[in-house]
């Protein structure tokens, strides 16, 4: 009787191996897909934070478009993303509420107090995807982040040095 139990356990182990052979590729595909989507969400969040940091610095009125672009690219690099091919565009929506596509960036040093600044940062999708997702699976070519901030440039304070008479 003891021998029969041993044979039954052997047959069960063999069927478990076959089941694993069928299920394992599906499980690995799901895990890699979840991992890839998580990476893309992380990259989108990093890009949004980089855009927010760039427009925050630009809102001081002390940073040019080139300096803001450097700030954004440094943020992306520090976060571990490849910034090759990235673009940074800033618009002053208060001065021009309907900027044309392809219009040159507005100079943030010319903004006045409470001007509405809008930054768009793009990054090629190939910079953030891993080998799991190939080009044929998605039509996405770039990821885009937007950030808005109002200019914090102070209005000049005028002081009248004359003493009041009276």
Protein backbone atom coordinates (compact mmCIF):
# COMPACT_ATOMS: atom_id res chain seq x y z
CA UNK A 1 0.00 0.00 0.00
CA UNK A 2 2.88 2.33 0.73
CA UNK A 3 4.19 2.01 -2.85
CA UNK A 4 0.89 3.15 -4.42
CA UNK A 5 0.90 6.43 -2.53
CA UNK A 6 4.40 7.14 -3.80
CA UNK A 7 3.38 6.49 -7.42
CA UNK A 8 0.35 8.79 -7.05
CA UNK A 9 2.58 11.60 -5.75
CA UNK A 10 4.93 11.17 -8.72
CA UNK A 11 2.07 11.46 -11.21
CA UNK A 12 0.79 14.59 -9.45
CA UNK A 13 4.24 16.20 -9.57
CA UNK A 14 4.42 15.52 -13.30
CA UNK A 15 1.03 17.12 -13.97
CA UNK A 16 2.02 20.16 -11.88
CA UNK A 17 5.11 20.59 -14.07
CA UNK A 18 2.97 20.50 -17.22
CA UNK A 19 0.52 23.03 -15.74
CA UNK A 20 3.40 25.32 -14.81
CA UNK A 21 4.79 25.07 -18.36
CA UNK A 22 1.44 26.31 -19.72
CA UNK A 23 0.84 29.05 -17.14
CA UNK A 24 4.36 30.43 -16.67
CA UNK A 25 4.61 32.33 -20.01
CA UNK A 26 1.28 34.02 -19.31
CA UNK A 27 2.33 35.00 -15.80
CA UNK A 28 5.71 36.31 -16.96
CA UNK A 29 4.01 38.37 -19.72
CA UNK A 30 1.60 39.87 -17.20
CA UNK A 31 4.37 40.72 -14.77
CA UNK A 32 6.52 42.33 -17.46
CA UNK A 33 3.51 44.32 -18.70
CA UNK A 34 2.73 45.56 -15.20
CA UNK A 35 6.39 46.45 -14.74
CA UNK A 36 6.46 48.38 -18.03
CA UNK A 37 3.25 50.30 -17.27
CA UNK A 38 4.63 51.16 -13.83
CA UNK A 39 7.81 52.48 -15.46
CA UNK A 40 5.80 54.63 -17.87
CA UNK A 41 3.72 56.07 -15.03
CA UNK A 42 6.92 56.83 -13.11
CA UNK A 43 8.44 58.53 -16.19
CA UNK A 44 5.29 60.62 -16.70
CA UNK A 45 5.41 61.76 -13.08
CA UNK A 46 9.10 62.67 -13.36
CA UNK A 47 8.40 64.63 -16.54
CA UNK A 48 5.53 66.49 -14.86
CA UNK A 49 7.73 67.34 -11.87
CA UNK A 50 10.50 68.56 -14.19
CA UNK A 51 8.02 70.82 -16.01
CA UNK A 52 6.72 72.12 -12.68
CA UNK A 53 10.26 72.87 -11.46
CA UNK A 54 11.12 74.65 -14.70
CA UNK A 55 8.06 76.91 -14.65
CA UNK A 56 8.51 77.58 -10.93
CA UNK A 57 12.04 78.82 -11.58
CA UNK A 58 10.88 80.80 -14.62
CA UNK A 59 8.15 82.49 -12.58
CA UNK A 60 10.78 84.37 -10.57
CA UNK A 61 11.64 86.43 -13.66
CA UNK A 62 15.34 85.73 -13.17
CA UNK A 63 15.61 82.71 -15.49
CA UNK A 64 15.82 82.77 -19.29
CA UNK A 65 14.33 80.12 -21.58
CA UNK A 66 17.77 78.52 -22.01
CA UNK A 67 18.34 78.40 -18.25
CA UNK A 68 14.87 76.94 -17.70
CA UNK A 69 15.57 74.26 -20.32
CA UNK A 70 18.80 73.39 -18.50
CA UNK A 71 16.92 73.17 -15.19
CA UNK A 72 14.35 70.79 -16.71
CA UNK A 73 17.01 68.63 -18.39
CA UNK A 74 19.07 68.47 -15.20
CA UNK A 75 15.96 67.35 -13.31
CA UNK A 76 15.31 64.60 -15.84
CA UNK A 77 18.93 63.42 -15.71
CA UNK A 78 19.01 63.44 -11.90
CA UNK A 79 15.84 61.33 -11.91
CA UNK A 80 17.47 58.77 -14.20
CA UNK A 81 15.77 59.61 -17.50
CA UNK A 82 17.60 60.16 -20.77
CA UNK A 83 16.83 63.77 -21.79
CA UNK A 84 18.10 63.40 -25.39
CA UNK A 85 15.52 64.86 -27.76
CA UNK A 86 13.52 66.59 -25.05
CA UNK A 87 11.88 69.94 -25.77
CA UNK A 88 10.90 72.67 -23.35
CA UNK A 89 8.52 75.43 -24.42
CA UNK A 90 7.16 78.27 -22.29
CA UNK A 91 4.27 80.56 -23.14
CA UNK A 92 3.05 83.68 -21.40
CA UNK A 93 -0.69 83.13 -21.75
CA UNK A 94 -1.54 86.53 -20.27
CA UNK A 95 0.30 88.39 -23.01
CA UNK A 96 -0.70 85.93 -25.78
CA UNK A 97 -3.70 83.74 -24.79
CA UNK A 98 -3.64 81.77 -28.07
CA UNK A 99 -0.01 80.98 -28.95
CA UNK A 100 0.54 79.48 -32.38
CA UNK A 101 1.90 75.97 -32.70
CA UNK A 102 5.63 76.16 -33.32
CA UNK A 103 5.82 79.71 -31.98
CA UNK A 104 9.09 80.58 -30.28
CA UNK A 105 9.10 80.42 -26.51
CA UNK A 106 8.14 83.57 -24.64
CA UNK A 107 10.89 85.11 -22.53
CA UNK A 108 9.98 84.59 -18.86
CA UNK A 109 12.26 87.48 -17.84
CA UNK A 110 9.77 89.84 -19.54
CA UNK A 111 6.78 88.63 -17.52
CA UNK A 112 5.12 90.99 -15.07
CA UNK A 113 3.44 90.15 -11.79
CA UNK A 114 0.69 87.50 -12.10
CA UNK A 115 1.27 86.75 -15.79
CA UNK A 116 0.14 83.17 -16.44
CA UNK A 117 3.11 81.05 -17.58
CA UNK A 118 2.54 77.70 -19.29
CA UNK A 119 5.34 75.17 -19.88
CA UNK A 120 5.23 72.13 -22.14
CA UNK A 121 7.94 69.47 -21.85
CA UNK A 122 8.15 66.57 -24.31
CA UNK A 123 10.36 63.52 -24.20
CA UNK A 124 10.68 60.77 -26.83
CA UNK A 125 8.87 57.61 -25.78
CA UNK A 126 11.94 55.58 -26.74
CA UNK A 127 13.86 57.28 -23.89
CA UNK A 128 11.63 55.76 -21.22
CA UNK A 129 10.34 52.46 -22.59
CA UNK A 130 12.06 49.20 -21.92
CA UNK A 131 12.58 46.47 -24.48
CA UNK A 132 9.35 44.72 -23.41
CA UNK A 133 7.11 47.19 -25.24
CA UNK A 134 8.08 47.47 -28.86
CA UNK A 135 6.96 50.17 -31.29
CA UNK A 136 4.31 47.92 -32.85
CA UNK A 137 2.33 47.62 -29.63
CA UNK A 138 1.66 51.35 -29.23
CA UNK A 139 1.42 54.42 -31.43
CA UNK A 140 2.87 56.68 -28.72
CA UNK A 141 6.01 58.50 -29.90
CA UNK A 142 6.41 61.14 -27.17
CA UNK A 143 5.28 61.71 -23.63
CA UNK A 144 4.18 65.22 -22.75
CA UNK A 145 3.88 67.12 -19.47
CA UNK A 146 2.33 70.52 -18.81
CA UNK A 147 2.77 72.88 -15.89
CA UNK A 148 1.30 76.32 -15.15
CA UNK A 149 2.44 78.98 -12.74
CA UNK A 150 1.76 82.65 -12.23
CA UNK A 151 4.69 85.03 -12.41
CA UNK A 152 5.98 86.04 -9.00
CA UNK A 153 7.84 89.09 -10.27
CA UNK A 154 7.29 91.92 -7.81
CA UNK A 155 6.00 95.28 -8.87
CA UNK A 156 8.57 97.97 -8.21
CA UNK A 157 8.03 99.84 -4.99
CA UNK A 158 8.12 103.60 -5.42
CA UNK A 159 9.04 105.55 -2.31
CA UNK A 160 8.48 109.30 -2.16
CA UNK A 161 11.45 110.71 -0.20
CA UNK A 162 9.76 114.08 0.36
CA UNK A 163 8.48 114.73 3.85
CA UNK A 164 4.83 115.62 4.14
CA UNK A 165 4.22 119.29 4.88
CA UNK A 166 1.50 120.30 7.08
